[in-house]
Each structure stands twice: as structure tokens, then as C-alpha cells.
């Protein structure tokens, strides 16, 4: 199992680099060429979401991206360190429209990712969250001598 770890400052201009690295590693891992655009888009959405959560929360920690090559699959995990409300918890009760807008934007980003990737796991808690996406890999062609 090969793993590449990428950490970057929570700035929007670094999302493009994360997308390019993810696509290159996915290609090398054997992800079908036909889905590489989906990999790029999904990673871009996940990283943009993490950057937004860090910026909104004033978190200086870097966004982390793990690119994991396993037997027959390739996974990408994008993690943030922003505290997430536990489902059913309405937070501080301030009811601000700003918080509602961010929740809608967050849900939209997760919906886009779910539309692009068949195998997605989202986890979130008080110490941060992660989005893990998986794609099957195709074995390299057999060379006959």
C-alpha cells in the first residue's frame, strides 16, 4: 500500500495543486482514464469545502489530503480540523442567516461529491472531519513475450 500525503495552507489557490497531484497519483495507481476528470472535480470540491471551513473557523492548521493506493482500489481522504456540529445539534442557537447559508453550501458540495463518486464516506466531529472517496483500479495489461 503506497500513500502520498499532501498538506497545504487553507487558501483557495492551493486547491488546484491538490487536484493536479490527485489526478497524477490516481493515474499512476491505475484509475481508469475515463474517470480522472471525476477524480479532479471531487477532490476540488472536497478541498474547497475544507478550505472554506478552515477560513470561516479561523483555523491555521493545514488541510490534509491522503492519496492511498491499495490493491484493486485507490482512495483519497480530504481532512479538515474544523469543529462540526453533531447531527441534531442546532449549535449555539444564534440562528444566523450566515450559518444557514454555509450549511446549504456545505450540503451542496457534499451532494456534488456524492454525484461524482460512487463510494464516499463522510465523517465529522468536534475535532474535524474527513471525506474519503474510493475508485476501483484496473490492473496493468499483461505483456506477452
N, C-alpha and C. Protein backbone atom coordinates (compact mmCIF):
# COMPACT_ATOMS: atom_id res chain seq x y z
N UNK A 1 0.85 -1.18 0.00
CA UNK A 1 0.00 0.00 0.00
C UNK A 1 0.90 1.24 0.00
N UNK A 2 0.75 2.06 -1.03
CA UNK A 2 1.52 3.30 -1.14
C UNK A 2 0.60 4.47 -0.76
N UNK A 3 1.15 5.39 0.00
CA UNK A 3 0.37 6.56 0.41
C UNK A 3 1.18 7.82 0.15
N UNK A 4 0.51 8.81 -0.40
CA UNK A 4 1.10 10.13 -0.58
C UNK A 4 0.29 11.06 0.31
N UNK A 5 0.98 11.87 1.10
CA UNK A 5 0.30 12.83 1.96
C UNK A 5 0.62 14.23 1.49
N UNK A 6 -0.41 15.01 1.34
CA UNK A 6 -0.28 16.39 0.89
C UNK A 6 -0.93 17.27 1.96
N UNK A 7 -0.23 18.29 2.40
CA UNK A 7 -0.78 19.27 3.35
C UNK A 7 -0.58 20.65 2.73
N UNK A 8 -1.62 21.46 2.83
CA UNK A 8 -1.49 22.81 2.27
C UNK A 8 -2.25 23.81 3.12
N UNK A 9 -1.77 25.05 3.08
CA UNK A 9 -2.44 26.14 3.79
C UNK A 9 -3.85 26.28 3.25
N UNK A 10 -4.76 26.63 4.11
CA UNK A 10 -6.17 26.74 3.73
C UNK A 10 -6.41 27.99 2.89
N UNK A 11 -5.89 27.96 1.69
CA UNK A 11 -6.05 29.06 0.74
C UNK A 11 -6.59 28.49 -0.57
N UNK A 12 -7.57 29.17 -1.18
CA UNK A 12 -8.19 28.65 -2.40
C UNK A 12 -7.20 28.37 -3.53
N UNK A 13 -6.12 29.13 -3.61
CA UNK A 13 -5.18 28.93 -4.72
C UNK A 13 -4.43 27.60 -4.64
N UNK A 14 -4.46 26.94 -3.49
CA UNK A 14 -3.78 25.65 -3.37
C UNK A 14 -4.66 24.47 -3.80
N UNK A 15 -5.95 24.71 -3.97
CA UNK A 15 -6.87 23.64 -4.35
C UNK A 15 -6.51 23.09 -5.73
N UNK A 16 -6.14 23.94 -6.64
CA UNK A 16 -5.77 23.50 -7.99
C UNK A 16 -4.59 22.54 -7.94
N UNK A 17 -3.60 22.85 -7.13
CA UNK A 17 -2.43 21.98 -6.99
C UNK A 17 -2.85 20.62 -6.44
N UNK A 18 -3.72 20.62 -5.44
CA UNK A 18 -4.20 19.35 -4.86
C UNK A 18 -4.93 18.52 -5.93
N UNK A 19 -5.72 19.17 -6.76
CA UNK A 19 -6.42 18.47 -7.85
C UNK A 19 -5.44 17.83 -8.81
N UNK A 20 -4.42 18.59 -9.20
CA UNK A 20 -3.44 18.07 -10.16
C UNK A 20 -2.65 16.90 -9.59
N UNK A 21 -2.23 17.02 -8.33
CA UNK A 21 -1.49 15.94 -7.68
C UNK A 21 -2.37 14.69 -7.57
N UNK A 22 -3.62 14.88 -7.17
CA UNK A 22 -4.54 13.75 -7.02
C UNK A 22 -4.73 13.03 -8.34
N UNK A 23 -4.92 13.77 -9.41
CA UNK A 23 -5.11 13.14 -10.72
C UNK A 23 -3.86 12.39 -11.16
N UNK A 24 -2.69 12.96 -10.93
CA UNK A 24 -1.44 12.29 -11.32
C UNK A 24 -1.23 10.99 -10.54
N UNK A 25 -1.49 11.03 -9.24
CA UNK A 25 -1.31 9.83 -8.42
C UNK A 25 -2.38 8.79 -8.77
N UNK A 26 -3.60 9.24 -9.04
CA UNK A 26 -4.67 8.32 -9.43
C UNK A 26 -4.33 7.61 -10.74
N UNK A 27 -3.81 8.36 -11.68
CA UNK A 27 -3.40 7.78 -12.97
C UNK A 27 -2.33 6.72 -12.74
N UNK A 28 -1.33 7.06 -11.95
CA UNK A 28 -0.25 6.11 -11.67
C UNK A 28 -0.75 4.87 -10.92
N UNK A 29 -1.78 5.05 -10.08
CA UNK A 29 -2.32 3.93 -9.31
C UNK A 29 -3.17 2.99 -10.16
N UNK A 30 -3.58 3.45 -11.35
CA UNK A 30 -4.35 2.59 -12.23
C UNK A 30 -5.83 2.92 -12.32
N UNK A 31 -6.21 4.11 -11.88
CA UNK A 31 -7.60 4.53 -12.03
C UNK A 31 -7.86 4.75 -13.53
N UNK A 32 -9.00 4.27 -14.00
CA UNK A 32 -9.36 4.36 -15.41
C UNK A 32 -9.30 5.82 -15.88
N UNK A 33 -8.70 6.03 -17.04
CA UNK A 33 -8.57 7.37 -17.61
C UNK A 33 -9.92 8.07 -17.74
N UNK A 34 -10.97 7.30 -17.98
CA UNK A 34 -12.30 7.87 -18.18
C UNK A 34 -12.86 8.54 -16.92
N UNK A 35 -12.34 8.19 -15.75
CA UNK A 35 -12.84 8.79 -14.51
C UNK A 35 -11.91 9.82 -13.89
N UNK A 36 -10.79 10.09 -14.53
CA UNK A 36 -9.84 11.05 -13.94
C UNK A 36 -10.43 12.45 -13.80
N UNK A 37 -11.29 12.86 -14.72
CA UNK A 37 -11.94 14.17 -14.57
C UNK A 37 -12.83 14.19 -13.33
N UNK A 38 -13.51 13.08 -13.07
CA UNK A 38 -14.35 12.99 -11.87
C UNK A 38 -13.50 13.04 -10.61
N UNK A 39 -12.33 12.40 -10.65
CA UNK A 39 -11.40 12.45 -9.51
C UNK A 39 -11.01 13.90 -9.25
N UNK A 40 -10.60 14.60 -10.30
CA UNK A 40 -10.20 16.01 -10.17
C UNK A 40 -11.32 16.86 -9.59
N UNK A 41 -12.52 16.71 -10.13
CA UNK A 41 -13.65 17.52 -9.67
C UNK A 41 -14.01 17.20 -8.22
N UNK A 42 -14.04 15.93 -7.87
CA UNK A 42 -14.39 15.53 -6.50
C UNK A 42 -13.36 16.04 -5.50
N UNK A 43 -12.09 15.92 -5.83
CA UNK A 43 -11.04 16.41 -4.95
C UNK A 43 -11.12 17.93 -4.84
N UNK A 44 -11.39 18.60 -5.94
CA UNK A 44 -11.55 20.05 -5.90
C UNK A 44 -12.68 20.47 -4.98
N UNK A 45 -13.82 19.79 -5.07
CA UNK A 45 -14.96 20.10 -4.19
C UNK A 45 -14.61 19.86 -2.73
N UNK A 46 -14.00 18.70 -2.45
CA UNK A 46 -13.66 18.35 -1.06
C UNK A 46 -12.64 19.33 -0.48
N UNK A 47 -11.64 19.69 -1.27
CA UNK A 47 -10.62 20.62 -0.79
C UNK A 47 -11.18 22.02 -0.62
N UNK A 48 -12.02 22.46 -1.54
CA UNK A 48 -12.65 23.77 -1.43
C UNK A 48 -13.50 23.84 -0.17
N UNK A 49 -14.22 22.76 0.12
CA UNK A 49 -15.04 22.69 1.33
C UNK A 49 -14.15 22.81 2.57
N UNK A 50 -13.05 22.06 2.60
CA UNK A 50 -12.15 22.10 3.76
C UNK A 50 -11.52 23.48 3.92
N UNK A 51 -11.10 24.09 2.83
CA UNK A 51 -10.53 25.44 2.88
C UNK A 51 -11.56 26.41 3.45
N UNK A 52 -12.79 26.34 2.98
CA UNK A 52 -13.85 27.23 3.48
C UNK A 52 -14.10 27.04 4.96
N UNK A 53 -14.12 25.79 5.42
CA UNK A 53 -14.34 25.52 6.84
C UNK A 53 -13.20 26.08 7.68
N UNK A 54 -11.97 25.93 7.20
CA UNK A 54 -10.82 26.45 7.94
C UNK A 54 -10.85 27.97 7.97
N UNK A 55 -11.13 28.59 6.83
CA UNK A 55 -11.14 30.05 6.79
C UNK A 55 -12.26 30.61 7.66
N UNK A 56 -13.43 30.03 7.58
CA UNK A 56 -14.55 30.53 8.37
C UNK A 56 -14.28 30.36 9.86
N UNK A 57 -13.64 29.25 10.24
CA UNK A 57 -13.37 28.97 11.64
C UNK A 57 -12.09 29.60 12.16
N UNK A 58 -11.34 30.31 11.30
CA UNK A 58 -10.08 30.91 11.72
C UNK A 58 -9.04 29.87 12.10
N UNK A 59 -9.05 28.74 11.45
CA UNK A 59 -8.13 27.63 11.76
C UNK A 59 -6.88 27.76 10.90
N UNK A 60 -5.73 27.79 11.55
CA UNK A 60 -4.49 27.96 10.81
C UNK A 60 -3.85 26.63 10.40
N UNK A 61 -4.36 25.53 10.90
CA UNK A 61 -3.81 24.22 10.55
C UNK A 61 -4.01 23.96 9.06
N UNK A 62 -3.11 23.19 8.46
CA UNK A 62 -3.25 22.91 7.03
C UNK A 62 -4.38 21.91 6.75
N UNK A 63 -4.88 21.96 5.53
CA UNK A 63 -5.80 20.94 5.03
C UNK A 63 -4.94 19.76 4.66
N UNK A 64 -5.41 18.54 4.93
CA UNK A 64 -4.60 17.37 4.61
C UNK A 64 -5.33 16.50 3.58
N UNK A 65 -4.54 15.97 2.66
CA UNK A 65 -5.07 15.09 1.63
C UNK A 65 -4.20 13.84 1.62
N UNK A 66 -4.82 12.68 1.81
CA UNK A 66 -4.12 11.41 1.73
C UNK A 66 -4.54 10.72 0.45
N UNK A 67 -3.56 10.30 -0.34
CA UNK A 67 -3.79 9.59 -1.59
C UNK A 67 -3.29 8.17 -1.35
N UNK A 68 -4.20 7.21 -1.29
CA UNK A 68 -3.85 5.86 -0.84
C UNK A 68 -4.08 4.85 -1.96
N UNK A 69 -3.00 4.22 -2.36
CA UNK A 69 -3.05 3.19 -3.40
C UNK A 69 -3.09 1.82 -2.71
N UNK A 70 -4.19 1.12 -2.89
CA UNK A 70 -4.36 -0.20 -2.30
C UNK A 70 -4.59 -1.20 -3.42
N UNK A 71 -4.61 -2.47 -3.05
CA UNK A 71 -4.87 -3.49 -4.05
C UNK A 71 -6.29 -3.33 -4.57
N UNK A 72 -6.45 -3.14 -5.85
CA UNK A 72 -7.73 -3.04 -6.55
C UNK A 72 -8.53 -1.77 -6.27
N UNK A 73 -7.97 -0.83 -5.50
CA UNK A 73 -8.68 0.44 -5.32
C UNK A 73 -7.72 1.57 -4.98
N UNK A 74 -8.20 2.76 -5.24
CA UNK A 74 -7.45 3.98 -4.95
C UNK A 74 -8.38 4.87 -4.14
N UNK A 75 -7.90 5.39 -3.02
CA UNK A 75 -8.74 6.27 -2.22
C UNK A 75 -8.06 7.58 -1.92
N UNK A 76 -8.89 8.57 -1.74
CA UNK A 76 -8.42 9.91 -1.40
C UNK A 76 -9.22 10.35 -0.18
N UNK A 77 -8.49 10.81 0.83
CA UNK A 77 -9.15 11.32 2.03
C UNK A 77 -8.75 12.78 2.21
N UNK A 78 -9.74 13.65 2.26
CA UNK A 78 -9.51 15.07 2.49
C UNK A 78 -10.00 15.38 3.89
N UNK A 79 -9.09 15.88 4.73
CA UNK A 79 -9.44 16.13 6.12
C UNK A 79 -9.31 17.59 6.49
N UNK A 80 -10.16 17.99 7.40
CA UNK A 80 -10.11 19.35 7.94
C UNK A 80 -10.08 19.26 9.46
N UNK A 81 -9.77 20.36 10.10
CA UNK A 81 -9.73 20.40 11.56
C UNK A 81 -10.80 21.32 12.13
N UNK A 82 -11.82 21.60 11.32
CA UNK A 82 -12.91 22.47 11.77
C UNK A 82 -13.90 21.67 12.60
N UNK A 83 -14.32 22.21 13.73
CA UNK A 83 -15.33 21.50 14.52
C UNK A 83 -16.65 21.47 13.76
N UNK A 84 -17.26 20.29 13.72
CA UNK A 84 -18.54 20.12 13.04
C UNK A 84 -19.60 19.84 14.08
N UNK A 85 -20.78 20.38 13.86
CA UNK A 85 -21.89 20.12 14.77
C UNK A 85 -22.30 18.66 14.66
N UNK A 86 -22.62 18.08 15.77
CA UNK A 86 -23.11 16.71 15.79
C UNK A 86 -24.52 16.73 15.21
N UNK A 87 -24.89 15.75 14.33
CA UNK A 87 -26.23 15.76 13.75
C UNK A 87 -27.31 15.89 14.83
N UNK A 88 -28.27 16.77 14.55
CA UNK A 88 -29.35 17.01 15.50
C UNK A 88 -29.04 18.16 16.45
N UNK A 89 -27.78 18.57 16.54
CA UNK A 89 -27.38 19.68 17.40
C UNK A 89 -27.57 20.96 16.61
N UNK A 90 -28.32 21.88 17.11
CA UNK A 90 -28.58 23.14 16.42
C UNK A 90 -27.56 24.21 16.77
N UNK A 91 -26.46 23.82 17.38
CA UNK A 91 -25.39 24.77 17.66
C UNK A 91 -25.73 25.72 18.77
N UNK A 92 -25.22 26.92 18.67
CA UNK A 92 -25.36 27.91 19.73
C UNK A 92 -26.74 28.54 19.76
N UNK A 93 -27.54 28.28 18.73
CA UNK A 93 -28.88 28.83 18.71
C UNK A 93 -28.92 30.27 18.27
N UNK A 94 -27.85 30.76 17.65
CA UNK A 94 -27.85 32.15 17.22
C UNK A 94 -28.74 32.35 15.99
N UNK A 95 -29.03 31.26 15.27
CA UNK A 95 -29.96 31.32 14.14
C UNK A 95 -29.54 32.26 13.05
N UNK A 96 -28.27 32.51 12.91
CA UNK A 96 -27.83 33.48 11.92
C UNK A 96 -28.03 32.95 10.50
N UNK A 97 -28.41 33.86 9.61
CA UNK A 97 -28.60 33.51 8.21
C UNK A 97 -27.27 33.10 7.59
N UNK A 98 -26.17 33.67 8.07
CA UNK A 98 -24.84 33.33 7.57
C UNK A 98 -24.55 31.85 7.80
N UNK A 99 -24.85 31.35 8.98
CA UNK A 99 -24.63 29.94 9.30
C UNK A 99 -25.51 29.06 8.43
N UNK A 100 -26.75 29.47 8.19
CA UNK A 100 -27.65 28.70 7.33
C UNK A 100 -27.12 28.64 5.91
N UNK A 101 -26.60 29.74 5.41
CA UNK A 101 -26.04 29.77 4.06
C UNK A 101 -24.84 28.87 3.93
N UNK A 102 -24.00 28.85 4.96
CA UNK A 102 -22.84 27.98 4.93
C UNK A 102 -23.24 26.52 4.97
N UNK A 103 -24.26 26.19 5.75
CA UNK A 103 -24.74 24.82 5.82
C UNK A 103 -25.26 24.37 4.46
N UNK A 104 -26.01 25.23 3.80
CA UNK A 104 -26.52 24.91 2.46
C UNK A 104 -25.39 24.70 1.47
N UNK A 105 -24.37 25.57 1.53
CA UNK A 105 -23.23 25.45 0.64
C UNK A 105 -22.47 24.16 0.90
N UNK A 106 -22.31 23.82 2.18
CA UNK A 106 -21.64 22.59 2.57
C UNK A 106 -22.41 21.37 2.04
N UNK A 107 -23.72 21.38 2.23
CA UNK A 107 -24.54 20.27 1.75
C UNK A 107 -24.50 20.16 0.23
N UNK A 108 -24.45 21.28 -0.46
CA UNK A 108 -24.37 21.28 -1.92
C UNK A 108 -23.05 20.65 -2.37
N UNK A 109 -21.95 21.03 -1.71
CA UNK A 109 -20.65 20.45 -2.05
C UNK A 109 -20.63 18.95 -1.83
N UNK A 110 -21.23 18.49 -0.73
CA UNK A 110 -21.29 17.05 -0.46
C UNK A 110 -22.17 16.35 -1.48
N UNK A 111 -23.24 17.00 -1.94
CA UNK A 111 -24.10 16.41 -2.96
C UNK A 111 -23.35 16.27 -4.28
N UNK A 112 -22.56 17.27 -4.63
CA UNK A 112 -21.77 17.21 -5.87
C UNK A 112 -20.78 16.04 -5.78
N UNK A 113 -20.09 15.92 -4.65
CA UNK A 113 -19.13 14.83 -4.47
C UNK A 113 -19.83 13.49 -4.58
N UNK A 114 -20.98 13.34 -3.93
CA UNK A 114 -21.73 12.09 -3.98
C UNK A 114 -22.18 11.76 -5.39
N UNK A 115 -22.44 12.77 -6.20
CA UNK A 115 -22.82 12.56 -7.59
C UNK A 115 -21.65 12.14 -8.46
N UNK A 116 -20.44 12.51 -8.06
CA UNK A 116 -19.25 12.18 -8.84
C UNK A 116 -18.62 10.85 -8.45
N UNK A 117 -18.77 10.46 -7.19
CA UNK A 117 -18.07 9.30 -6.65
C UNK A 117 -19.09 8.31 -6.09
N UNK A 118 -18.99 7.05 -6.51
CA UNK A 118 -19.93 6.04 -6.02
C UNK A 118 -19.66 5.63 -4.58
N UNK A 119 -18.40 5.62 -4.17
CA UNK A 119 -18.02 5.14 -2.84
C UNK A 119 -17.47 6.30 -2.03
N UNK A 120 -18.31 6.92 -1.19
CA UNK A 120 -17.92 8.09 -0.40
C UNK A 120 -18.29 7.86 1.06
N UNK A 121 -17.39 8.24 1.96
CA UNK A 121 -17.66 8.23 3.39
C UNK A 121 -17.38 9.62 3.93
N UNK A 122 -18.32 10.17 4.64
CA UNK A 122 -18.14 11.48 5.26
C UNK A 122 -18.21 11.28 6.77
N UNK A 123 -17.19 11.77 7.46
CA UNK A 123 -17.23 11.71 8.92
C UNK A 123 -16.92 13.10 9.46
N UNK A 124 -17.54 13.43 10.57
CA UNK A 124 -17.35 14.75 11.15
C UNK A 124 -17.59 14.68 12.65
N UNK A 125 -16.83 15.50 13.35
CA UNK A 125 -16.98 15.57 14.80
C UNK A 125 -16.44 16.89 15.31
N UNK A 126 -16.28 16.96 16.60
CA UNK A 126 -15.83 18.20 17.22
C UNK A 126 -14.39 18.56 16.87
N UNK A 127 -13.57 17.55 16.51
CA UNK A 127 -12.16 17.83 16.23
C UNK A 127 -11.85 17.87 14.74
N UNK A 128 -12.87 17.83 13.89
CA UNK A 128 -12.64 17.91 12.46
C UNK A 128 -13.43 16.87 11.71
N UNK A 129 -13.22 16.85 10.41
CA UNK A 129 -13.96 15.91 9.59
C UNK A 129 -13.12 15.42 8.43
N UNK A 130 -13.67 14.45 7.72
CA UNK A 130 -12.98 13.95 6.54
C UNK A 130 -13.98 13.43 5.52
N UNK A 131 -13.54 13.47 4.29
CA UNK A 131 -14.30 12.88 3.19
C UNK A 131 -13.36 11.87 2.54
N UNK A 132 -13.77 10.61 2.54
CA UNK A 132 -12.97 9.56 1.92
C UNK A 132 -13.71 9.07 0.68
N UNK A 133 -13.00 9.13 -0.44
CA UNK A 133 -13.57 8.73 -1.73
C UNK A 133 -12.74 7.58 -2.28
N UNK A 134 -13.40 6.60 -2.90
CA UNK A 134 -12.70 5.43 -3.43
C UNK A 134 -13.10 5.17 -4.88
N UNK A 135 -12.10 4.73 -5.65
CA UNK A 135 -12.31 4.34 -7.04
C UNK A 135 -11.62 3.01 -7.27
N UNK A 136 -12.19 2.16 -8.11
CA UNK A 136 -11.50 0.91 -8.44
C UNK A 136 -10.32 1.20 -9.36
N UNK A 137 -9.33 0.34 -9.30
CA UNK A 137 -8.19 0.45 -10.22
C UNK A 137 -8.23 -0.71 -11.19
N UNK A 138 -7.67 -0.49 -12.33
CA UNK A 138 -7.58 -1.55 -13.33
C UNK A 138 -6.17 -2.08 -13.34
N UNK A 139 -6.01 -3.40 -13.36
CA UNK A 139 -4.66 -3.95 -13.35
C UNK A 139 -3.94 -3.58 -14.65
N UNK A 140 -2.62 -3.43 -14.57
CA UNK A 140 -1.88 -3.11 -15.80
C UNK A 140 -2.00 -4.28 -16.79
N UNK A 141 -1.96 -3.98 -18.07
CA UNK A 141 -2.10 -5.05 -19.07
C UNK A 141 -0.93 -6.02 -18.99
N UNK A 142 -1.23 -7.27 -19.26
CA UNK A 142 -0.19 -8.30 -19.24
C UNK A 142 0.59 -8.22 -20.54
N UNK A 143 1.87 -8.21 -20.42
CA UNK A 143 2.74 -8.14 -21.60
C UNK A 143 3.18 -9.57 -21.94
N UNK A 144 2.87 -10.00 -23.14
CA UNK A 144 3.28 -11.33 -23.60
C UNK A 144 4.60 -11.22 -24.35
N UNK A 145 5.52 -12.07 -23.99
CA UNK A 145 6.83 -12.03 -24.65
C UNK A 145 6.88 -12.92 -25.85
